[in-house]
Amino acid sequence: MSGRCCRRDEAAMRLRLRRELMKLLSGTILLLAAEQAFAHAQLAQFPNHDDAKAVLIPASVVFLALGSILMIWGLLSELRDKTKVTAG
């Protein structure tokens, strides 16, 4: 009976770790997308420059905000889990 309990605890811990990792990975991808959108807005050629800036600059700000939120959320929840493990 205790073997099943340990397996469930391990499975729950793996699932929690996978969620934390996905938050960090998603945040990193969004931050990279923000950088790419901003760089493409700066490198657009003359006839399309104003249209590109009108779309890509706001998109980069949204990507930056979402990526930062996910990264901070992932880091804080990972730190919370590590303090639970060391305290418990």
N, C-alpha and C. Protein backbone atom coordinates (compact mmCIF):
# COMPACT_ATOMS: atom_id res chain seq x y z
N MET A 1 0.81 -1.19 0.00
CA MET A 1 0.00 0.00 0.00
C MET A 1 0.86 1.26 0.00
N SER A 2 1.94 1.27 0.77
CA SER A 2 2.79 2.46 0.81
C SER A 2 3.53 2.66 -0.51
N GLY A 3 3.74 1.56 -1.28
CA GLY A 3 4.38 1.68 -2.59
C GLY A 3 3.53 2.48 -3.55
N ARG A 4 2.20 2.25 -3.49
CA ARG A 4 1.29 3.02 -4.35
C ARG A 4 1.30 4.49 -3.97
N CYS A 5 1.34 4.74 -2.70
CA CYS A 5 1.34 6.12 -2.21
C CYS A 5 2.59 6.86 -2.69
N CYS A 6 3.73 6.19 -2.59
CA CYS A 6 4.98 6.81 -3.04
C CYS A 6 4.96 7.06 -4.53
N ARG A 7 4.41 6.12 -5.29
CA ARG A 7 4.34 6.29 -6.74
C ARG A 7 3.43 7.46 -7.09
N ARG A 8 2.31 7.60 -6.38
CA ARG A 8 1.42 8.73 -6.63
C ARG A 8 2.11 10.04 -6.30
N ASP A 9 2.84 10.08 -5.21
CA ASP A 9 3.55 11.30 -4.83
C ASP A 9 4.61 11.64 -5.87
N GLU A 10 5.32 10.64 -6.36
CA GLU A 10 6.33 10.88 -7.40
C GLU A 10 5.68 11.38 -8.67
N ALA A 11 4.56 10.79 -9.06
CA ALA A 11 3.86 11.21 -10.27
C ALA A 11 3.36 12.64 -10.13
N ALA A 12 2.84 12.98 -8.97
CA ALA A 12 2.36 14.35 -8.74
C ALA A 12 3.51 15.33 -8.78
N MET A 13 4.65 14.95 -8.21
CA MET A 13 5.81 15.83 -8.22
C MET A 13 6.34 16.03 -9.65
N ARG A 14 6.35 14.97 -10.45
CA ARG A 14 6.80 15.09 -11.84
C ARG A 14 5.87 16.00 -12.63
N LEU A 15 4.57 15.86 -12.42
CA LEU A 15 3.61 16.70 -13.11
C LEU A 15 3.79 18.16 -12.72
N ARG A 16 4.00 18.41 -11.43
CA ARG A 16 4.23 19.78 -10.96
C ARG A 16 5.49 20.36 -11.57
N LEU A 17 6.55 19.55 -11.62
CA LEU A 17 7.82 20.00 -12.20
C LEU A 17 7.65 20.29 -13.68
N ARG A 18 6.88 19.47 -14.37
CA ARG A 18 6.64 19.68 -15.79
C ARG A 18 5.90 20.99 -16.02
N ARG A 19 4.94 21.30 -15.15
CA ARG A 19 4.20 22.57 -15.27
C ARG A 19 5.12 23.76 -15.07
N GLU A 20 6.02 23.66 -14.08
CA GLU A 20 6.95 24.76 -13.81
C GLU A 20 7.87 24.96 -15.02
N LEU A 21 8.33 23.87 -15.57
CA LEU A 21 9.22 23.94 -16.72
C LEU A 21 8.51 24.54 -17.92
N MET A 22 7.25 24.21 -18.12
CA MET A 22 6.51 24.76 -19.25
C MET A 22 6.27 26.26 -19.09
N LYS A 23 6.08 26.73 -17.87
CA LYS A 23 5.94 28.17 -17.66
C LYS A 23 7.23 28.88 -18.05
N LEU A 24 8.36 28.35 -17.60
CA LEU A 24 9.64 28.97 -17.91
C LEU A 24 9.94 28.91 -19.40
N LEU A 25 9.67 27.77 -20.02
CA LEU A 25 9.93 27.62 -21.44
C LEU A 25 9.03 28.53 -22.27
N SER A 26 7.77 28.62 -21.93
CA SER A 26 6.84 29.50 -22.64
C SER A 26 7.24 30.96 -22.47
N GLY A 27 7.64 31.33 -21.28
CA GLY A 27 8.09 32.71 -21.05
C GLY A 27 9.33 33.04 -21.86
N THR A 28 10.26 32.10 -21.95
CA THR A 28 11.47 32.32 -22.74
C THR A 28 11.13 32.49 -24.21
N ILE A 29 10.26 31.66 -24.73
CA ILE A 29 9.87 31.77 -26.14
C ILE A 29 9.18 33.10 -26.42
N LEU A 30 8.32 33.54 -25.52
CA LEU A 30 7.65 34.82 -25.71
C LEU A 30 8.64 35.99 -25.64
N LEU A 31 9.64 35.90 -24.77
CA LEU A 31 10.65 36.96 -24.72
C LEU A 31 11.47 36.99 -26.00
N LEU A 32 11.79 35.84 -26.54
CA LEU A 32 12.51 35.80 -27.82
C LEU A 32 11.64 36.34 -28.95
N ALA A 33 10.35 36.04 -28.93
CA ALA A 33 9.45 36.58 -29.95
C ALA A 33 9.35 38.10 -29.85
N ALA A 34 9.38 38.63 -28.63
CA ALA A 34 9.35 40.08 -28.44
C ALA A 34 10.59 40.72 -29.04
N GLU A 35 11.74 40.10 -28.82
CA GLU A 35 12.99 40.65 -29.36
C GLU A 35 12.97 40.60 -30.89
N GLN A 36 12.48 39.51 -31.45
CA GLN A 36 12.43 39.37 -32.91
C GLN A 36 11.45 40.37 -33.52
N ALA A 37 10.29 40.57 -32.90
CA ALA A 37 9.31 41.52 -33.43
C ALA A 37 9.88 42.94 -33.41
N PHE A 38 10.57 43.30 -32.33
CA PHE A 38 11.16 44.62 -32.25
C PHE A 38 12.27 44.79 -33.29
N ALA A 39 13.11 43.78 -33.44
CA ALA A 39 14.19 43.86 -34.41
C ALA A 39 13.64 43.96 -35.84
N HIS A 40 12.60 43.21 -36.14
CA HIS A 40 12.02 43.28 -37.49
C HIS A 40 11.36 44.64 -37.73
N ALA A 41 10.79 45.24 -36.70
CA ALA A 41 10.20 46.57 -36.85
C ALA A 41 11.28 47.60 -37.18
N GLN A 42 12.47 47.44 -36.61
CA GLN A 42 13.55 48.38 -36.86
C GLN A 42 14.22 48.15 -38.21
N LEU A 43 14.15 46.93 -38.73
CA LEU A 43 14.84 46.61 -39.98
C LEU A 43 13.95 46.64 -41.21
N ALA A 44 12.68 46.98 -41.07
CA ALA A 44 11.77 47.01 -42.23
C ALA A 44 12.22 48.11 -43.19
N GLN A 45 12.11 47.83 -44.48
CA GLN A 45 12.52 48.79 -45.52
C GLN A 45 11.55 49.96 -45.62
N PHE A 46 11.96 51.01 -46.30
CA PHE A 46 11.27 52.30 -46.31
C PHE A 46 9.78 52.25 -46.65
N PRO A 47 9.33 51.67 -47.75
CA PRO A 47 7.89 51.79 -48.06
C PRO A 47 6.98 51.15 -47.01
N ASN A 48 7.44 50.12 -46.33
CA ASN A 48 6.60 49.42 -45.37
C ASN A 48 6.95 49.74 -43.92
N HIS A 49 7.84 50.67 -43.70
CA HIS A 49 8.35 50.91 -42.36
C HIS A 49 7.24 51.34 -41.38
N ASP A 50 6.38 52.26 -41.80
CA ASP A 50 5.33 52.75 -40.89
C ASP A 50 4.31 51.66 -40.57
N ASP A 51 3.94 50.87 -41.56
CA ASP A 51 2.99 49.78 -41.32
C ASP A 51 3.60 48.72 -40.41
N ALA A 52 4.87 48.41 -40.64
CA ALA A 52 5.54 47.41 -39.81
C ALA A 52 5.65 47.88 -38.36
N LYS A 53 6.00 49.14 -38.18
CA LYS A 53 6.10 49.67 -36.81
C LYS A 53 4.76 49.68 -36.11
N ALA A 54 3.70 49.96 -36.87
CA ALA A 54 2.37 50.02 -36.26
C ALA A 54 1.91 48.67 -35.74
N VAL A 55 2.41 47.59 -36.32
CA VAL A 55 1.99 46.26 -35.90
C VAL A 55 3.02 45.62 -34.97
N LEU A 56 4.29 45.70 -35.34
CA LEU A 56 5.32 44.93 -34.64
C LEU A 56 5.72 45.53 -33.29
N ILE A 57 5.72 46.82 -33.15
CA ILE A 57 6.08 47.42 -31.86
C ILE A 57 5.05 47.07 -30.77
N PRO A 58 3.74 47.23 -31.02
CA PRO A 58 2.77 46.79 -29.99
C PRO A 58 2.83 45.29 -29.73
N ALA A 59 3.06 44.51 -30.79
CA ALA A 59 3.17 43.06 -30.60
C ALA A 59 4.36 42.73 -29.72
N SER A 60 5.47 43.42 -29.91
CA SER A 60 6.65 43.14 -29.09
C SER A 60 6.40 43.52 -27.62
N VAL A 61 5.64 44.57 -27.39
CA VAL A 61 5.32 44.96 -26.01
C VAL A 61 4.43 43.91 -25.35
N VAL A 62 3.46 43.39 -26.09
CA VAL A 62 2.58 42.35 -25.55
C VAL A 62 3.38 41.08 -25.27
N PHE A 63 4.23 40.68 -26.21
CA PHE A 63 5.07 39.50 -26.01
C PHE A 63 5.99 39.68 -24.81
N LEU A 64 6.55 40.87 -24.66
CA LEU A 64 7.44 41.15 -23.53
C LEU A 64 6.69 41.03 -22.21
N ALA A 65 5.49 41.60 -22.16
CA ALA A 65 4.71 41.54 -20.92
C ALA A 65 4.32 40.10 -20.57
N LEU A 66 3.79 39.37 -21.54
CA LEU A 66 3.38 37.99 -21.28
C LEU A 66 4.57 37.10 -20.93
N GLY A 67 5.67 37.28 -21.66
CA GLY A 67 6.86 36.48 -21.37
C GLY A 67 7.42 36.76 -19.98
N SER A 68 7.42 38.03 -19.59
CA SER A 68 7.91 38.38 -18.26
C SER A 68 7.02 37.81 -17.16
N ILE A 69 5.71 37.88 -17.38
CA ILE A 69 4.78 37.33 -16.39
C ILE A 69 4.99 35.83 -16.22
N LEU A 70 5.10 35.11 -17.35
CA LEU A 70 5.29 33.67 -17.26
C LEU A 70 6.63 33.30 -16.62
N MET A 71 7.68 34.03 -16.97
CA MET A 71 9.00 33.75 -16.38
C MET A 71 8.99 33.98 -14.88
N ILE A 72 8.43 35.11 -14.45
CA ILE A 72 8.39 35.43 -13.02
C ILE A 72 7.51 34.43 -12.27
N TRP A 73 6.37 34.08 -12.85
CA TRP A 73 5.47 33.10 -12.23
C TRP A 73 6.15 31.74 -12.11
N GLY A 74 6.84 31.32 -13.16
CA GLY A 74 7.55 30.04 -13.12
C GLY A 74 8.67 30.03 -12.10
N LEU A 75 9.43 31.12 -12.04
CA LEU A 75 10.54 31.19 -11.08
C LEU A 75 10.03 31.23 -9.64
N LEU A 76 8.99 32.00 -9.39
CA LEU A 76 8.45 32.08 -8.03
C LEU A 76 7.85 30.75 -7.58
N SER A 77 7.14 30.07 -8.47
CA SER A 77 6.56 28.79 -8.07
C SER A 77 7.64 27.73 -7.91
N GLU A 78 8.71 27.83 -8.68
CA GLU A 78 9.82 26.89 -8.50
C GLU A 78 10.54 27.14 -7.18
N LEU A 79 10.72 28.39 -6.82
CA LEU A 79 11.34 28.71 -5.54
C LEU A 79 10.46 28.26 -4.38
N ARG A 80 9.15 28.42 -4.52
CA ARG A 80 8.22 27.99 -3.47
C ARG A 80 8.30 26.48 -3.26
N ASP A 81 8.36 25.73 -4.37
CA ASP A 81 8.45 24.28 -4.27
C ASP A 81 9.78 23.85 -3.64
N LYS A 82 10.87 24.55 -3.94
CA LYS A 82 12.16 24.18 -3.36
C LYS A 82 12.19 24.45 -1.87
N THR A 83 11.53 25.53 -1.43
CA THR A 83 11.51 25.80 0.01
C THR A 83 10.64 24.77 0.73
N LYS A 84 9.59 24.26 0.09
CA LYS A 84 8.77 23.22 0.68
C LYS A 84 9.57 21.93 0.84
N VAL A 85 10.39 21.62 -0.16
CA VAL A 85 11.18 20.39 -0.12
C VAL A 85 12.23 20.47 0.98
N THR A 86 12.92 21.62 1.10
CA THR A 86 13.96 21.74 2.12
C THR A 86 13.36 21.84 3.51
N ALA A 87 12.20 22.47 3.65
CA ALA A 87 11.58 22.58 4.97
C ALA A 87 10.92 21.28 5.40
N GLY A 88 10.39 20.54 4.44
CA GLY A 88 9.64 19.33 4.78
C GLY A 88 10.55 18.17 4.78
